[in-house]
Amino acid sequence: MTLETDTNYTVYVNQAGKYIIYTVYSSIDSNPAEILLNNNFACRLNFPEKTGDLHKWTQSEVGTINFPKKGLYLLTVKYGSGVNYGYLDFLYNDARQK
């Protein structure tokens, strides 16, 4: 699996903990993507279905990530040429932390 594209974001996390990641994506293969926090591996994004076309979109939960503390992070998404994503939505998952 070759992850040839990096997209960087600067994010501020208001509350440390585990977050569920949702996205709108299109995919012609089932290769996962990766997220790095401050240049360290944080999680893998698994796209559950191939949409068959890079312009045919679907929405799904694709992974979970842990932000160990409140604060500023460099978030890097590494992905291959067989997937497009519209956005990443991080939903705080306090129910699973108790």
C-alpha atoms as a PDB file:
ATOM      1  CA  MET A   1       0.000   0.000   0.000  1.00  0.00           C
ATOM      2  CA  THR A   2       1.427   3.358  -1.041  1.00  0.00           C
ATOM      3  CA  LEU A   3       0.219   6.461   0.763  1.00  0.00           C
ATOM      4  CA  GLU A   4       1.470   9.132  -1.571  1.00  0.00           C
ATOM      5  CA  THR A   5      -0.609  12.133  -0.504  1.00  0.00           C
ATOM      6  CA  ASP A   6      -0.324  14.059   2.769  1.00  0.00           C
ATOM      7  CA  THR A   7      -2.802  16.697   3.862  1.00  0.00           C
ATOM      8  CA  ASN A   8      -1.939  18.708   6.985  1.00  0.00           C
ATOM      9  CA  TYR A   9      -4.327  20.439   9.358  1.00  0.00           C
ATOM     10  CA  THR A  10      -3.725  22.426  12.510  1.00  0.00           C
ATOM     11  CA  VAL A  11      -6.399  21.506  15.053  1.00  0.00           C
ATOM     12  CA  TYR A  12      -7.164  22.619  18.572  1.00  0.00           C
ATOM     13  CA  VAL A  13      -8.673  19.921  20.802  1.00  0.00           C
ATOM     14  CA  ASN A  14     -10.870  21.267  23.609  1.00  0.00           C
ATOM     15  CA  GLN A  15     -11.165  17.980  25.471  1.00  0.00           C
ATOM     16  CA  ALA A  16      -8.717  15.082  25.655  1.00  0.00           C
ATOM     17  CA  GLY A  17     -10.053  11.608  24.972  1.00  0.00           C
ATOM     18  CA  LYS A  18     -11.288   9.188  22.351  1.00  0.00           C
ATOM     19  CA  TYR A  19     -13.101  10.463  19.260  1.00  0.00           C
ATOM     20  CA  ILE A  20     -15.013   8.553  16.580  1.00  0.00           C
ATOM     21  CA  ILE A  21     -14.111   9.681  13.054  1.00  0.00           C
ATOM     22  CA  TYR A  22     -16.801  10.014  10.383  1.00  0.00           C
ATOM     23  CA  THR A  23     -16.273  11.065   6.792  1.00  0.00           C
ATOM     24  CA  VAL A  24     -17.913  11.450   3.409  1.00  0.00           C
ATOM     25  CA  TYR A  25     -15.695   9.624   0.927  1.00  0.00           C
ATOM     26  CA  SER A  26     -15.436   7.978  -2.468  1.00  0.00           C
ATOM     27  CA  SER A  27     -13.231   4.992  -3.147  1.00  0.00           C
ATOM     28  CA  ILE A  28     -12.091   2.788  -6.014  1.00  0.00           C
ATOM     29  CA  ASP A  29     -10.024   0.545  -3.744  1.00  0.00           C
ATOM     30  CA  SER A  30     -10.226  -0.538  -0.126  1.00  0.00           C
ATOM     31  CA  ASN A  31      -6.806   0.673   0.989  1.00  0.00           C
ATOM     32  CA  PRO A  32      -6.879   2.384   4.374  1.00  0.00           C
ATOM     33  CA  ALA A  33      -5.515   5.838   5.133  1.00  0.00           C
ATOM     34  CA  GLU A  34      -3.567   6.941   8.211  1.00  0.00           C
ATOM     35  CA  ILE A  35      -3.658   9.854  10.601  1.00  0.00           C
ATOM     36  CA  LEU A  36      -0.561  11.157  12.330  1.00  0.00           C
ATOM     37  CA  LEU A  37      -0.579  13.542  15.288  1.00  0.00           C
ATOM     38  CA  ASN A  38       2.494  15.736  15.522  1.00  0.00           C
ATOM     39  CA  ASN A  39       4.204  13.377  13.012  1.00  0.00           C
ATOM     40  CA  ASN A  40       3.478  10.215  15.074  1.00  0.00           C
ATOM     41  CA  PHE A  41       1.093   7.471  13.936  1.00  0.00           C
ATOM     42  CA  ALA A  42      -2.295   7.878  15.661  1.00  0.00           C
ATOM     43  CA  CYS A  43      -4.802   5.670  13.812  1.00  0.00           C
ATOM     44  CA  ARG A  44      -5.805   3.953  10.606  1.00  0.00           C
ATOM     45  CA  LEU A  45      -8.893   4.985   8.636  1.00  0.00           C
ATOM     46  CA  ASN A  46     -10.742   2.020   7.131  1.00  0.00           C
ATOM     47  CA  PHE A  47     -13.216   2.742   4.351  1.00  0.00           C
ATOM     48  CA  PRO A  48     -15.866   0.002   4.664  1.00  0.00           C
ATOM     49  CA  GLU A  49     -17.111   0.038   1.083  1.00  0.00           C
ATOM     50  CA  LYS A  50     -15.736   0.765  -2.356  1.00  0.00           C
ATOM     51  CA  THR A  51     -18.056   3.220  -4.091  1.00  0.00           C
ATOM     52  CA  GLY A  52     -16.620   2.213  -7.473  1.00  0.00           C
ATOM     53  CA  ASP A  53     -15.997   5.760  -8.655  1.00  0.00           C
ATOM     54  CA  LEU A  54     -14.078   8.723  -7.236  1.00  0.00           C
ATOM     55  CA  HIS A  55     -17.173  10.889  -7.806  1.00  0.00           C
ATOM     56  CA  LYS A  56     -19.710   8.564  -6.128  1.00  0.00           C
ATOM     57  CA  TRP A  57     -19.813   9.415  -2.422  1.00  0.00           C
ATOM     58  CA  THR A  58     -20.906   7.649   0.761  1.00  0.00           C
ATOM     59  CA  GLN A  59     -20.705   8.432   4.480  1.00  0.00           C
ATOM     60  CA  SER A  60     -19.385   6.170   7.222  1.00  0.00           C
ATOM     61  CA  GLU A  61     -17.570   5.798  10.518  1.00  0.00           C
ATOM     62  CA  VAL A  62     -13.958   5.110   9.530  1.00  0.00           C
ATOM     63  CA  GLY A  63     -11.999   4.894  12.783  1.00  0.00           C
ATOM     64  CA  THR A  64     -11.260   6.195  16.258  1.00  0.00           C
ATOM     65  CA  ILE A  65      -8.478   8.423  17.505  1.00  0.00           C
ATOM     66  CA  ASN A  66      -7.221   9.345  20.952  1.00  0.00           C
ATOM     67  CA  PHE A  67      -6.111  12.892  21.676  1.00  0.00           C
ATOM     68  CA  PRO A  68      -4.040  12.430  24.849  1.00  0.00           C
ATOM     69  CA  LYS A  69      -4.391  16.021  26.035  1.00  0.00           C
ATOM     70  CA  LYS A  70      -6.179  19.254  25.342  1.00  0.00           C
ATOM     71  CA  GLY A  71      -4.315  21.573  22.988  1.00  0.00           C
ATOM     72  CA  LEU A  72      -2.910  22.267  19.555  1.00  0.00           C
ATOM     73  CA  TYR A  73      -1.958  19.429  17.175  1.00  0.00           C
ATOM     74  CA  LEU A  74      -0.576  18.992  13.683  1.00  0.00           C
ATOM     75  CA  LEU A  75      -2.924  16.397  12.168  1.00  0.00           C
ATOM     76  CA  THR A  76      -1.655  14.750   8.967  1.00  0.00           C
ATOM     77  CA  VAL A  77      -3.848  12.520   6.803  1.00  0.00           C
ATOM     78  CA  LYS A  78      -1.867  10.150   4.567  1.00  0.00           C
ATOM     79  CA  TYR A  79      -3.833   8.477   1.767  1.00  0.00           C
ATOM     80  CA  GLY A  80      -3.436   6.881  -1.645  1.00  0.00           C
ATOM     81  CA  SER A  81      -4.822   7.765  -5.051  1.00  0.00           C
ATOM     82  CA  GLY A  82      -7.832   5.428  -4.754  1.00  0.00           C
ATOM     83  CA  VAL A  83      -9.800   7.525  -2.245  1.00  0.00           C
ATOM     84  CA  ASN A  84     -11.252  11.023  -1.928  1.00  0.00           C
ATOM     85  CA  TYR A  85     -12.690  12.398   1.283  1.00  0.00           C
ATOM     86  CA  GLY A  86     -14.857  15.467   1.730  1.00  0.00           C
ATOM     87  CA  TYR A  87     -14.212  16.114   5.402  1.00  0.00           C
ATOM     88  CA  LEU A  88     -13.334  14.402   8.666  1.00  0.00           C
ATOM     89  CA  ASP A  89     -15.755  14.809  11.547  1.00  0.00           C
ATOM     90  CA  PHE A  90     -14.467  13.997  15.050  1.00  0.00           C
ATOM     91  CA  LEU A  91     -17.207  13.100  17.534  1.00  0.00           C
ATOM     92  CA  TYR A  92     -16.209  12.980  21.201  1.00  0.00           C
ATOM     93  CA  ASN A  93     -17.039   9.574  22.587  1.00  0.00           C
ATOM     94  CA  ASP A  94     -17.439  10.085  26.332  1.00  0.00           C
ATOM     95  CA  ALA A  95     -19.794   7.096  26.732  1.00  0.00           C
ATOM     96  CA  ARG A  96     -17.011   4.590  25.937  1.00  0.00           C
ATOM     97  CA  GLN A  97     -14.560   6.241  28.334  1.00  0.00           C
ATOM     98  CA  LYS A  98     -16.491   5.445  31.521  1.00  0.00           C
END
